Amino acid sequence: MKKAFITGITGQDGSYLAELLLEKDYQVYGLTRRTSTQNFARIEHIIHHPNLELISGDLMDQHSLTYPIKKIQPDEVYNLAAQSFVQASWEQPVLTGDFTAIGVTRVLEAIRLACPSAKFYQASSSEMFGKVRQTPQDENTPFYPRSPYGVAKVYGHWITVNYRESYDMFAVSGILFNHEPPRRGLEFVTRKIANAVARIKLGKQEFIELGNLDAERDWGYAKDYVEAMWLMLQQDNPEDFVVGTGETHSVREFLQLSCKAAGIDNWESIYKHNPAFDRPAEVDQLIADPKRTQEKLGWKTSVTFEELVTLMVEAELEMESKK
């Protein structure tokens, strides 16, 4: 039985990845941060699975990474933990750097010292492209990050490349474009929109406040993207891959389709602009060129943009109607 070690298992991607690996008969170990109130909502349906074990640890503490990796001797390590909210990275730039950037080095060092045969996956981000130098963006597009989060992710990406080349480790980065599910945190604009539209439809809320509606992103379905992560570690040679749909849509489109899914005719009647939600340095457009990923990994998306929006709104309507 293969063994996998996941940081960030209680997050959006971590929970979907854990599900996928358990379905593939892995023994899964998940790193969780010790807090006074544990948040296992995204994994509560699998938390008692006989092949899942949760381990207390933190990307800020080297020993809590090295010790379990030495003990477990995992075949695969997936680093999905991060301070992942872009807006918050301006308010907490030092924490973002220590956790999202230096944390990657700590995981790589733990593997190098305690289990050098393990294959390593680093969750890189399309936010690294920032002020894009090429459209669409592929594996060779230069980075120009526009937030402390994007800068931290660039460090994590290049330190992964460095360990691969310096120590002959199987270490790869997946440059994932935006990927959404109903498990998204409410602070993220897609979940914020889907939730607000559902609440407005149910008479619980009057309007939604948003920042820049013109920002365009390449949005896909998170379940598809964790499969791409797994596929990268099944290859014979370590390579980095861009994962996205190859389509771009605006925040305005997401809001319009959310209203359509909820049966709200006039989206403008429920929207208010709030400059507090505008980024200090905006990323105007991101769109992936996933051709290489599709050809080499045999990966493809299973959900269209409108289907994704509808899926998220329906999930919010169901959840809010039970409250």
C-alpha atoms as a PDB file:
ATOM      1  CA  MET A   1       0.000   0.000   0.000  1.00  0.00           C
ATOM      2  CA  LYS A   2       1.379   3.402  -0.995  1.00  0.00           C
ATOM      3  CA  LYS A   3       1.725   6.060   1.697  1.00  0.00           C
ATOM      4  CA  ALA A   4       1.063   9.766   1.181  1.00  0.00           C
ATOM      5  CA  PHE A   5       1.745  12.711   3.486  1.00  0.00           C
ATOM      6  CA  ILE A   6      -0.409  15.827   2.941  1.00  0.00           C
ATOM      7  CA  THR A   7       0.104  19.243   4.465  1.00  0.00           C
ATOM      8  CA  GLY A   8      -3.056  21.359   4.400  1.00  0.00           C
ATOM      9  CA  ILE A   9      -5.336  18.326   4.469  1.00  0.00           C
ATOM     10  CA  THR A  10      -8.156  20.299   6.119  1.00  0.00           C
ATOM     11  CA  GLY A  11      -8.212  22.826   3.283  1.00  0.00           C
ATOM     12  CA  GLN A  12     -10.104  22.784   0.006  1.00  0.00           C
ATOM     13  CA  ASP A  13      -7.527  20.927  -2.103  1.00  0.00           C
ATOM     14  CA  GLY A  14      -6.265  18.795   0.762  1.00  0.00           C
ATOM     15  CA  SER A  15      -9.702  17.352   1.447  1.00  0.00           C
ATOM     16  CA  TYR A  16     -10.329  16.494  -2.211  1.00  0.00           C
ATOM     17  CA  LEU A  17      -6.840  15.010  -2.571  1.00  0.00           C
ATOM     18  CA  ALA A  18      -7.326  12.884   0.550  1.00  0.00           C
ATOM     19  CA  GLU A  19     -10.579  11.543  -0.901  1.00  0.00           C
ATOM     20  CA  LEU A  20      -8.869  10.703  -4.194  1.00  0.00           C
ATOM     21  CA  LEU A  21      -5.931   8.922  -2.555  1.00  0.00           C
ATOM     22  CA  LEU A  22      -8.163   6.928  -0.207  1.00  0.00           C
ATOM     23  CA  GLU A  23     -10.170   5.801  -3.249  1.00  0.00           C
ATOM     24  CA  LYS A  24      -6.860   4.629  -4.737  1.00  0.00           C
ATOM     25  CA  ASP A  25      -6.122   2.581  -1.578  1.00  0.00           C
ATOM     26  CA  TYR A  26      -3.380   4.804  -0.183  1.00  0.00           C
ATOM     27  CA  GLN A  27      -2.545   5.100   3.482  1.00  0.00           C
ATOM     28  CA  VAL A  28      -2.981   8.847   3.969  1.00  0.00           C
ATOM     29  CA  TYR A  29      -1.323  10.949   6.677  1.00  0.00           C
ATOM     30  CA  GLY A  30      -2.516  14.513   7.067  1.00  0.00           C
ATOM     31  CA  LEU A  31      -0.707  17.311   8.876  1.00  0.00           C
ATOM     32  CA  THR A  32      -2.985  19.562  10.935  1.00  0.00           C
ATOM     33  CA  ARG A  33      -2.179  22.617  13.040  1.00  0.00           C
ATOM     34  CA  ARG A  34      -3.053  22.323  16.720  1.00  0.00           C
ATOM     35  CA  THR A  35      -5.613  24.984  17.657  1.00  0.00           C
ATOM     36  CA  SER A  36      -8.064  25.369  20.525  1.00  0.00           C
ATOM     37  CA  THR A  37     -10.930  24.752  18.084  1.00  0.00           C
ATOM     38  CA  GLN A  38     -10.236  22.265  15.302  1.00  0.00           C
ATOM     39  CA  ASN A  39     -11.814  22.851  11.908  1.00  0.00           C
ATOM     40  CA  PHE A  40     -12.329  19.467  10.291  1.00  0.00           C
ATOM     41  CA  ALA A  41     -15.508  20.426   8.399  1.00  0.00           C
ATOM     42  CA  ARG A  42     -14.057  19.587   4.975  1.00  0.00           C
ATOM     43  CA  ILE A  43     -12.842  16.130   6.047  1.00  0.00           C
ATOM     44  CA  GLU A  44     -15.487  15.134   8.598  1.00  0.00           C
ATOM     45  CA  HIS A  45     -16.943  12.590   6.148  1.00  0.00           C
ATOM     46  CA  ILE A  46     -13.591  10.729   5.935  1.00  0.00           C
ATOM     47  CA  ILE A  47     -12.058  11.467   9.338  1.00  0.00           C
ATOM     48  CA  HIS A  48     -12.813   7.955  10.637  1.00  0.00           C
ATOM     49  CA  HIS A  49     -11.548   6.176   7.531  1.00  0.00           C
ATOM     50  CA  PRO A  50      -9.218   3.338   8.620  1.00  0.00           C
ATOM     51  CA  ASN A  51      -6.543   4.454   6.144  1.00  0.00           C
ATOM     52  CA  LEU A  52      -6.469   8.088   7.282  1.00  0.00           C
ATOM     53  CA  GLU A  53      -4.319   9.353  10.154  1.00  0.00           C
ATOM     54  CA  LEU A  54      -4.047  12.978  11.255  1.00  0.00           C
ATOM     55  CA  ILE A  55      -0.770  14.259  12.698  1.00  0.00           C
ATOM     56  CA  SER A  56      -0.257  17.490  14.613  1.00  0.00           C
ATOM     57  CA  GLY A  57       2.383  19.755  13.107  1.00  0.00           C
ATOM     58  CA  ASP A  58       3.124  23.117  11.533  1.00  0.00           C
ATOM     59  CA  LEU A  59       5.018  24.426   8.507  1.00  0.00           C
ATOM     60  CA  MET A  60       6.631  26.946  10.864  1.00  0.00           C
ATOM     61  CA  ASP A  61       8.272  24.168  12.913  1.00  0.00           C
ATOM     62  CA  GLN A  62      10.987  22.050  11.283  1.00  0.00           C
ATOM     63  CA  HIS A  63      10.907  19.206  13.804  1.00  0.00           C
ATOM     64  CA  SER A  64       7.152  18.647  13.413  1.00  0.00           C
ATOM     65  CA  LEU A  65       7.792  18.034   9.705  1.00  0.00           C
ATOM     66  CA  THR A  66      11.001  16.011   9.863  1.00  0.00           C
ATOM     67  CA  TYR A  67       9.886  13.632  12.620  1.00  0.00           C
ATOM     68  CA  PRO A  68       6.651  12.319  11.006  1.00  0.00           C
ATOM     69  CA  ILE A  69       8.268  12.057   7.556  1.00  0.00           C
ATOM     70  CA  LYS A  70      11.110  10.027   9.061  1.00  0.00           C
ATOM     71  CA  LYS A  71       8.646   7.796  10.904  1.00  0.00           C
ATOM     72  CA  ILE A  72       6.156   7.333   8.054  1.00  0.00           C
ATOM     73  CA  GLN A  73       8.614   7.062   5.122  1.00  0.00           C
ATOM     74  CA  PRO A  74       5.952   8.233   2.644  1.00  0.00           C
ATOM     75  CA  ASP A  75       6.058   7.449  -1.054  1.00  0.00           C
ATOM     76  CA  GLU A  76       4.536  10.842  -1.880  1.00  0.00           C
ATOM     77  CA  VAL A  77       4.433  14.219  -0.108  1.00  0.00           C
ATOM     78  CA  TYR A  78       1.956  16.906  -1.154  1.00  0.00           C
ATOM     79  CA  ASN A  79       2.570  20.405   0.219  1.00  0.00           C
ATOM     80  CA  LEU A  80      -0.791  22.171   0.008  1.00  0.00           C
ATOM     81  CA  ALA A  81      -0.591  24.221   3.218  1.00  0.00           C
ATOM     82  CA  ALA A  82      -0.221  27.991   2.840  1.00  0.00           C
ATOM     83  CA  GLN A  83      -1.552  31.370   3.834  1.00  0.00           C
ATOM     84  CA  SER A  84      -3.629  31.232   0.686  1.00  0.00           C
ATOM     85  CA  PHE A  85      -5.811  34.353   0.718  1.00  0.00           C
ATOM     86  CA  VAL A  86      -4.196  36.902  -1.613  1.00  0.00           C
ATOM     87  CA  GLN A  87      -5.900  39.946  -0.060  1.00  0.00           C
ATOM     88  CA  ALA A  88      -4.640  39.035   3.425  1.00  0.00           C
ATOM     89  CA  SER A  89      -1.065  38.814   2.192  1.00  0.00           C
ATOM     90  CA  TRP A  90      -0.814  42.613   2.056  1.00  0.00           C
ATOM     91  CA  GLU A  91      -1.962  42.782   5.679  1.00  0.00           C
ATOM     92  CA  GLN A  92       0.308  39.903   6.782  1.00  0.00           C
ATOM     93  CA  PRO A  93       3.280  39.928   4.380  1.00  0.00           C
ATOM     94  CA  VAL A  94       5.841  38.550   6.852  1.00  0.00           C
ATOM     95  CA  LEU A  95       3.616  35.662   7.957  1.00  0.00           C
ATOM     96  CA  THR A  96       2.782  34.933   4.326  1.00  0.00           C
ATOM     97  CA  GLY A  97       6.485  34.789   3.475  1.00  0.00           C
ATOM     98  CA  ASP A  98       7.403  32.575   6.412  1.00  0.00           C
ATOM     99  CA  PHE A  99       4.526  30.162   5.908  1.00  0.00           C
ATOM    100  CA  THR A 100       3.964  30.108   2.150  1.00  0.00           C
ATOM    101  CA  ALA A 101       7.616  30.539   1.073  1.00  0.00           C
ATOM    102  CA  ILE A 102      10.024  29.334   3.785  1.00  0.00           C
ATOM    103  CA  GLY A 103       7.551  26.608   4.782  1.00  0.00           C
ATOM    104  CA  VAL A 104       8.261  24.932   1.436  1.00  0.00           C
ATOM    105  CA  THR A 105      11.961  24.805   2.258  1.00  0.00           C
ATOM    106  CA  ARG A 106      11.196  23.201   5.617  1.00  0.00           C
ATOM    107  CA  VAL A 107       9.185  20.434   3.939  1.00  0.00           C
ATOM    108  CA  LEU A 108      11.906  19.871   1.332  1.00  0.00           C
ATOM    109  CA  GLU A 109      14.583  19.743   4.034  1.00  0.00           C
ATOM    110  CA  ALA A 110      12.523  17.209   5.983  1.00  0.00           C
ATOM    111  CA  ILE A 111      12.303  15.003   2.900  1.00  0.00           C
ATOM    112  CA  ARG A 112      15.994  15.428   2.034  1.00  0.00           C
ATOM    113  CA  LEU A 113      17.111  14.476   5.530  1.00  0.00           C
ATOM    114  CA  ALA A 114      14.523  11.856   6.470  1.00  0.00           C
ATOM    115  CA  CYS A 115      13.093  10.284   3.299  1.00  0.00           C
ATOM    116  CA  PRO A 116      14.947  11.353   0.137  1.00  0.00           C
ATOM    117  CA  SER A 117      13.200   8.740  -2.016  1.00  0.00           C
ATOM    118  CA  ALA A 118       9.786  10.386  -1.523  1.00  0.00           C
ATOM    119  CA  LYS A 119       8.215  12.194  -4.461  1.00  0.00           C
ATOM    120  CA  PHE A 120       7.294  15.806  -3.635  1.00  0.00           C
ATOM    121  CA  TYR A 121       4.496  17.989  -5.010  1.00  0.00           C
ATOM    122  CA  GLN A 122       4.495  21.763  -4.428  1.00  0.00           C
ATOM    123  CA  ALA A 123       1.291  23.746  -4.917  1.00  0.00           C
ATOM    124  CA  SER A 124       2.396  26.646  -7.094  1.00  0.00           C
ATOM    125  CA  SER A 125      -0.089  29.262  -8.277  1.00  0.00           C
ATOM    126  CA  SER A 126      -1.075  31.248 -11.352  1.00  0.00           C
ATOM    127  CA  GLU A 127      -0.744  34.330  -9.108  1.00  0.00           C
ATOM    128  CA  MET A 128       2.992  33.995  -9.779  1.00  0.00           C
ATOM    129  CA  PHE A 129       2.368  35.282 -13.317  1.00  0.00           C
ATOM    130  CA  GLY A 130       0.763  38.461 -11.958  1.00  0.00           C
ATOM    131  CA  LYS A 131       1.372  41.253 -14.448  1.00  0.00           C
ATOM    132  CA  VAL A 132       1.490  38.770 -17.271  1.00  0.00           C
ATOM    133  CA  ARG A 133       4.335  38.858 -19.774  1.00  0.00           C
ATOM    134  CA  GLN A 134       2.674  36.389 -22.157  1.00  0.00           C
ATOM    135  CA  THR A 135      -0.893  35.309 -22.949  1.00  0.00           C
ATOM    136  CA  PRO A 136      -1.847  32.537 -22.429  1.00  0.00           C
ATOM    137  CA  GLN A 137       0.552  31.444 -19.694  1.00  0.00           C
ATOM    138  CA  ASP A 138       2.459  28.169 -19.898  1.00  0.00           C
ATOM    139  CA  GLU A 139       5.381  26.483 -18.124  1.00  0.00           C
ATOM    140  CA  ASN A 140       7.914  28.864 -19.691  1.00  0.00           C
ATOM    141  CA  THR A 141       6.112  32.162 -19.053  1.00  0.00           C
ATOM    142  CA  PRO A 142       8.197  34.529 -16.847  1.00  0.00           C
ATOM    143  CA  PHE A 143       6.816  35.365 -13.400  1.00  0.00           C
ATOM    144  CA  TYR A 144       5.852  38.894 -12.328  1.00  0.00           C
ATOM    145  CA  PRO A 145       3.942  38.511  -9.028  1.00  0.00           C
ATOM    146  CA  ARG A 146       1.717  41.387  -7.886  1.00  0.00           C
ATOM    147  CA  SER A 147       1.116  40.487  -4.234  1.00  0.00           C
ATOM    148  CA  PRO A 148       3.121  39.233  -1.250  1.00  0.00           C
ATOM    149  CA  TYR A 149       1.289  35.918  -1.751  1.00  0.00           C
ATOM    150  CA  GLY A 150       2.445  35.705  -5.376  1.00  0.00           C
ATOM    151  CA  VAL A 151       6.017  36.570  -4.368  1.00  0.00           C
ATOM    152  CA  ALA A 152       5.978  33.848  -1.693  1.00  0.00           C
ATOM    153  CA  LYS A 153       4.693  31.318  -4.213  1.00  0.00           C
ATOM    154  CA  VAL A 154       7.489  32.219  -6.639  1.00  0.00           C
ATOM    155  CA  TYR A 155      10.017  31.458  -3.899  1.00  0.00           C
ATOM    156  CA  GLY A 156       8.310  28.134  -3.171  1.00  0.00           C
ATOM    157  CA  HIS A 157       8.356  27.272  -6.855  1.00  0.00           C
ATOM    158  CA  TRP A 158      12.039  28.042  -7.390  1.00  0.00           C
ATOM    159  CA  ILE A 159      13.237  26.389  -4.175  1.00  0.00           C
ATOM    160  CA  THR A 160      11.466  23.246  -5.407  1.00  0.00           C
ATOM    161  CA  VAL A 161      13.348  23.474  -8.700  1.00  0.00           C
ATOM    162  CA  ASN A 162      16.577  24.084  -6.769  1.00  0.00           C
ATOM    163  CA  TYR A 163      16.185  20.986  -4.570  1.00  0.00           C
ATOM    164  CA  ARG A 164      15.330  18.904  -7.631  1.00  0.00           C
ATOM    165  CA  GLU A 165      18.501  20.011  -9.394  1.00  0.00           C
ATOM    166  CA  SER A 166      20.788  20.160  -6.336  1.00  0.00           C
ATOM    167  CA  TYR A 167      19.864  16.878  -4.655  1.00  0.00           C
ATOM    168  CA  ASP A 168      18.377  14.840  -7.529  1.00  0.00           C
ATOM    169  CA  MET A 169      15.021  14.749  -5.735  1.00  0.00           C
ATOM    170  CA  PHE A 170      11.721  13.968  -7.435  1.00  0.00           C
ATOM    171  CA  ALA A 171      10.253  17.392  -6.700  1.00  0.00           C
ATOM    172  CA  VAL A 172       7.669  19.066  -8.927  1.00  0.00           C
ATOM    173  CA  SER A 173       5.402  22.101  -8.935  1.00  0.00           C
ATOM    174  CA  GLY A 174       1.884  22.263 -10.281  1.00  0.00           C
ATOM    175  CA  ILE A 175       1.121  25.802 -11.432  1.00  0.00           C
ATOM    176  CA  LEU A 176      -2.594  25.681 -10.797  1.00  0.00           C
ATOM    177  CA  PHE A 177      -4.960  28.330 -12.034  1.00  0.00           C
ATOM    178  CA  ASN A 178      -8.081  29.192 -10.016  1.00  0.00           C
ATOM    179  CA  HIS A 179     -10.030  26.106  -9.067  1.00  0.00           C
ATOM    180  CA  GLU A 180     -13.279  26.209  -7.148  1.00  0.00           C
ATOM    181  CA  PRO A 181     -15.655  23.925  -5.307  1.00  0.00           C
ATOM    182  CA  PRO A 182     -18.393  24.411  -2.716  1.00  0.00           C
ATOM    183  CA  ARG A 183     -15.629  23.862  -0.116  1.00  0.00           C
ATOM    184  CA  ARG A 184     -13.986  27.215  -0.921  1.00  0.00           C
ATOM    185  CA  GLY A 185     -13.544  29.571   2.018  1.00  0.00           C
ATOM    186  CA  LEU A 186     -16.115  32.374   2.237  1.00  0.00           C
ATOM    187  CA  GLU A 187     -13.383  35.014   1.914  1.00  0.00           C
ATOM    188  CA  PHE A 188     -12.720  33.961  -1.710  1.00  0.00           C
ATOM    189  CA  VAL A 189     -14.706  35.919  -4.286  1.00  0.00           C
ATOM    190  CA  THR A 190     -16.314  32.920  -6.003  1.00  0.00           C
ATOM    191  CA  ARG A 191     -17.690  31.408  -2.798  1.00  0.00           C
ATOM    192  CA  LYS A 192     -18.563  34.903  -1.536  1.00  0.00           C
ATOM    193  CA  ILE A 193     -20.659  35.508  -4.648  1.00  0.00           C
ATOM    194  CA  ALA A 194     -22.321  32.085  -4.642  1.00  0.00           C
ATOM    195  CA  ASN A 195     -23.180  32.358  -0.952  1.00  0.00           C
ATOM    196  CA  ALA A 196     -24.461  35.945  -1.162  1.00  0.00           C
ATOM    197  CA  VAL A 197     -26.609  35.217  -4.218  1.00  0.00           C
ATOM    198  CA  ALA A 198     -28.152  32.228  -2.436  1.00  0.00           C
ATOM    199  CA  ARG A 199     -28.854  34.309   0.674  1.00  0.00           C
ATOM    200  CA  ILE A 200     -30.382  37.101  -1.434  1.00  0.00           C
ATOM    201  CA  LYS A 201     -32.591  34.585  -3.231  1.00  0.00           C
ATOM    202  CA  LEU A 202     -33.762  33.247   0.154  1.00  0.00           C
ATOM    203  CA  GLY A 203     -34.422  36.742   1.524  1.00  0.00           C
ATOM    204  CA  LYS A 204     -31.569  36.642   4.055  1.00  0.00           C
ATOM    205  CA  GLN A 205     -29.471  39.403   2.472  1.00  0.00           C
ATOM    206  CA  GLU A 206     -30.175  42.473   0.313  1.00  0.00           C
ATOM    207  CA  PHE A 207     -27.007  42.986  -1.742  1.00  0.00           C
ATOM    208  CA  ILE A 208     -23.385  41.956  -2.230  1.00  0.00           C
ATOM    209  CA  GLU A 209     -20.339  44.231  -2.014  1.00  0.00           C
ATOM    210  CA  LEU A 210     -17.460  43.444  -4.367  1.00  0.00           C
ATOM    211  CA  GLY A 211     -14.292  45.029  -5.695  1.00  0.00           C
ATOM    212  CA  ASN A 212     -13.094  44.928  -9.310  1.00  0.00           C
ATOM    213  CA  LEU A 213     -15.594  43.115 -11.548  1.00  0.00           C
ATOM    214  CA  ASP A 214     -13.331  43.302 -14.600  1.00  0.00           C
ATOM    215  CA  ALA A 215     -10.585  40.992 -13.290  1.00  0.00           C
ATOM    216  CA  GLU A 216     -10.468  37.851 -15.429  1.00  0.00           C
ATOM    217  CA  ARG A 217      -9.466  34.401 -14.269  1.00  0.00           C
ATOM    218  CA  ASP A 218      -9.180  30.858 -15.596  1.00  0.00           C
ATOM    219  CA  TRP A 219     -11.594  28.994 -13.306  1.00  0.00           C
ATOM    220  CA  GLY A 220     -11.904  25.205 -13.088  1.00  0.00           C
ATOM    221  CA  TYR A 221     -13.235  22.517 -10.758  1.00  0.00           C
ATOM    222  CA  ALA A 222     -11.007  21.591  -7.800  1.00  0.00           C
ATOM    223  CA  LYS A 223     -11.734  17.858  -8.002  1.00  0.00           C
ATOM    224  CA  ASP A 224     -10.214  17.776 -11.484  1.00  0.00           C
ATOM    225  CA  TYR A 225      -7.135  19.671 -10.307  1.00  0.00           C
ATOM    226  CA  VAL A 226      -6.183  17.314  -7.464  1.00  0.00           C
ATOM    227  CA  GLU A 227      -6.157  14.487  -9.997  1.00  0.00           C
ATOM    228  CA  ALA A 228      -3.563  16.478 -11.948  1.00  0.00           C
ATOM    229  CA  MET A 229      -1.456  16.723  -8.772  1.00  0.00           C
ATOM    230  CA  TRP A 230      -1.524  12.952  -8.388  1.00  0.00           C
ATOM    231  CA  LEU A 231      -0.724  12.367 -12.060  1.00  0.00           C
ATOM    232  CA  MET A 232       2.414  14.532 -11.790  1.00  0.00           C
ATOM    233  CA  LEU A 233       3.838  12.190  -9.143  1.00  0.00           C
ATOM    234  CA  GLN A 234       3.105   9.088 -11.241  1.00  0.00           C
ATOM    235  CA  GLN A 235       5.514  10.147 -13.990  1.00  0.00           C
ATOM    236  CA  ASP A 236       8.956   8.628 -14.500  1.00  0.00           C
ATOM    237  CA  ASN A 237      10.697  12.019 -14.455  1.00  0.00           C
ATOM    238  CA  PRO A 238       9.971  15.140 -12.376  1.00  0.00           C
ATOM    239  CA  GLU A 239       8.504  18.013 -14.404  1.00  0.00           C
ATOM    240  CA  ASP A 240       6.443  21.105 -13.646  1.00  0.00           C
ATOM    241  CA  PHE A 241       3.020  21.547 -15.248  1.00  0.00           C
ATOM    242  CA  VAL A 242       0.468  24.322 -15.784  1.00  0.00           C
ATOM    243  CA  VAL A 243      -3.071  23.241 -14.881  1.00  0.00           C
ATOM    244  CA  GLY A 244      -6.066  25.229 -16.124  1.00  0.00           C
ATOM    245  CA  THR A 245      -8.981  25.224 -18.555  1.00  0.00           C
ATOM    246  CA  GLY A 246      -7.596  27.535 -21.235  1.00  0.00           C
ATOM    247  CA  GLU A 247     -10.610  29.848 -20.842  1.00  0.00           C
ATOM    248  CA  THR A 248     -10.873  33.158 -19.008  1.00  0.00           C
ATOM    249  CA  HIS A 249     -13.954  34.749 -17.437  1.00  0.00           C
ATOM    250  CA  SER A 250     -14.513  37.940 -15.467  1.00  0.00           C
ATOM    251  CA  VAL A 251     -15.789  38.329 -11.925  1.00  0.00           C
ATOM    252  CA  ARG A 252     -18.774  40.066 -13.536  1.00  0.00           C
ATOM    253  CA  GLU A 253     -19.546  36.914 -15.547  1.00  0.00           C
ATOM    254  CA  PHE A 254     -19.339  34.829 -12.380  1.00  0.00           C
ATOM    255  CA  LEU A 255     -21.846  37.145 -10.689  1.00  0.00           C
ATOM    256  CA  GLN A 256     -24.175  37.155 -13.710  1.00  0.00           C
ATOM    257  CA  LEU A 257     -24.194  33.356 -14.014  1.00  0.00           C
ATOM    258  CA  SER A 258     -24.669  32.984 -10.256  1.00  0.00           C
ATOM    259  CA  CYS A 259     -27.776  35.140 -10.452  1.00  0.00           C
ATOM    260  CA  LYS A 260     -29.002  33.114 -13.424  1.00  0.00           C
ATOM    261  CA  ALA A 261     -28.518  29.863 -11.486  1.00  0.00           C
ATOM    262  CA  ALA A 262     -30.472  31.277  -8.538  1.00  0.00           C
ATOM    263  CA  GLY A 263     -33.262  32.730 -10.671  1.00  0.00           C
ATOM    264  CA  ILE A 264     -32.384  36.390 -10.038  1.00  0.00           C
ATOM    265  CA  ASP A 265     -33.129  38.422 -13.180  1.00  0.00           C
ATOM    266  CA  ASN A 266     -31.249  41.686 -12.584  1.00  0.00           C
ATOM    267  CA  TRP A 267     -27.753  41.163 -11.191  1.00  0.00           C
ATOM    268  CA  GLU A 268     -27.034  44.907 -11.083  1.00  0.00           C
ATOM    269  CA  SER A 269     -29.845  45.415  -8.577  1.00  0.00           C
ATOM    270  CA  ILE A 270     -28.040  43.349  -5.922  1.00  0.00           C
ATOM    271  CA  TYR A 271     -24.471  44.574  -6.510  1.00  0.00           C
ATOM    272  CA  LYS A 272     -22.563  47.421  -4.835  1.00  0.00           C
ATOM    273  CA  HIS A 273     -18.946  48.348  -5.450  1.00  0.00           C
ATOM    274  CA  ASN A 274     -16.766  48.592  -2.357  1.00  0.00           C
ATOM    275  CA  PRO A 275     -13.247  49.969  -2.987  1.00  0.00           C
ATOM    276  CA  ALA A 276     -12.065  48.232   0.195  1.00  0.00           C
ATOM    277  CA  PHE A 277     -12.117  44.990  -1.823  1.00  0.00           C
ATOM    278  CA  ASP A 278      -9.948  46.358  -4.638  1.00  0.00           C
ATOM    279  CA  ARG A 279      -6.385  45.022  -4.583  1.00  0.00           C
ATOM    280  CA  PRO A 280      -3.490  47.477  -4.148  1.00  0.00           C
ATOM    281  CA  ALA A 281      -1.945  45.917  -7.273  1.00  0.00           C
ATOM    282  CA  GLU A 282      -4.434  44.099  -9.479  1.00  0.00           C
ATOM    283  CA  VAL A 283      -3.828  41.072 -11.673  1.00  0.00           C
ATOM    284  CA  ASP A 284      -6.001  41.900 -14.683  1.00  0.00           C
ATOM    285  CA  GLN A 285      -6.146  38.625 -16.578  1.00  0.00           C
ATOM    286  CA  LEU A 286      -4.927  35.063 -16.140  1.00  0.00           C
ATOM    287  CA  ILE A 287      -5.465  32.284 -18.677  1.00  0.00           C
ATOM    288  CA  ALA A 288      -3.676  28.949 -18.847  1.00  0.00           C
ATOM    289  CA  ASP A 289      -2.189  27.124 -21.783  1.00  0.00           C
ATOM    290  CA  PRO A 290      -2.706  23.536 -20.531  1.00  0.00           C
ATOM    291  CA  LYS A 291      -1.710  21.833 -23.794  1.00  0.00           C
ATOM    292  CA  ARG A 292       1.416  20.177 -22.387  1.00  0.00           C
ATOM    293  CA  THR A 293      -0.463  18.935 -19.314  1.00  0.00           C
ATOM    294  CA  GLN A 294      -3.220  17.485 -21.466  1.00  0.00           C
ATOM    295  CA  GLU A 295      -0.766  15.752 -23.793  1.00  0.00           C
ATOM    296  CA  LYS A 296       1.762  14.400 -21.267  1.00  0.00           C
ATOM    297  CA  LEU A 297      -0.535  13.612 -18.340  1.00  0.00           C
ATOM    298  CA  GLY A 298      -3.703  12.796 -20.265  1.00  0.00           C
ATOM    299  CA  TRP A 299      -5.524  15.260 -18.008  1.00  0.00           C
ATOM    300  CA  LYS A 300      -8.626  17.246 -18.888  1.00  0.00           C
ATOM    301  CA  THR A 301     -11.372  19.212 -17.165  1.00  0.00           C
ATOM    302  CA  SER A 302     -14.780  17.637 -16.625  1.00  0.00           C
ATOM    303  CA  VAL A 303     -16.900  20.687 -15.755  1.00  0.00           C
ATOM    304  CA  THR A 304     -17.644  23.795 -17.836  1.00  0.00           C
ATOM    305  CA  PHE A 305     -17.500  27.292 -16.337  1.00  0.00           C
ATOM    306  CA  GLU A 306     -21.287  27.667 -16.220  1.00  0.00           C
ATOM    307  CA  GLU A 307     -21.668  24.179 -14.735  1.00  0.00           C
ATOM    308  CA  LEU A 308     -19.122  25.097 -12.042  1.00  0.00           C
ATOM    309  CA  VAL A 309     -20.985  28.301 -11.134  1.00  0.00           C
ATOM    310  CA  THR A 310     -24.319  26.465 -11.037  1.00  0.00           C
ATOM    311  CA  LEU A 311     -22.837  23.695  -8.877  1.00  0.00           C
ATOM    312  CA  MET A 312     -21.563  26.234  -6.348  1.00  0.00           C
ATOM    313  CA  VAL A 313     -24.807  28.239  -6.195  1.00  0.00           C
ATOM    314  CA  GLU A 314     -26.940  25.116  -5.799  1.00  0.00           C
ATOM    315  CA  ALA A 315     -24.716  23.947  -2.936  1.00  0.00           C
ATOM    316  CA  GLU A 316     -25.119  27.341  -1.216  1.00  0.00           C
ATOM    317  CA  LEU A 317     -28.894  27.343  -1.711  1.00  0.00           C
ATOM    318  CA  GLU A 318     -29.113  23.891  -0.136  1.00  0.00           C
ATOM    319  CA  MET A 319     -26.890  24.850   2.782  1.00  0.00           C
ATOM    320  CA  GLU A 320     -28.545  28.214   3.480  1.00  0.00           C
ATOM    321  CA  SER A 321     -32.057  26.772   3.255  1.00  0.00           C
ATOM    322  CA  LYS A 322     -31.214  24.432   6.162  1.00  0.00           C
ATOM    323  CA  LYS A 323     -30.122  27.253   8.484  1.00  0.00           C
END
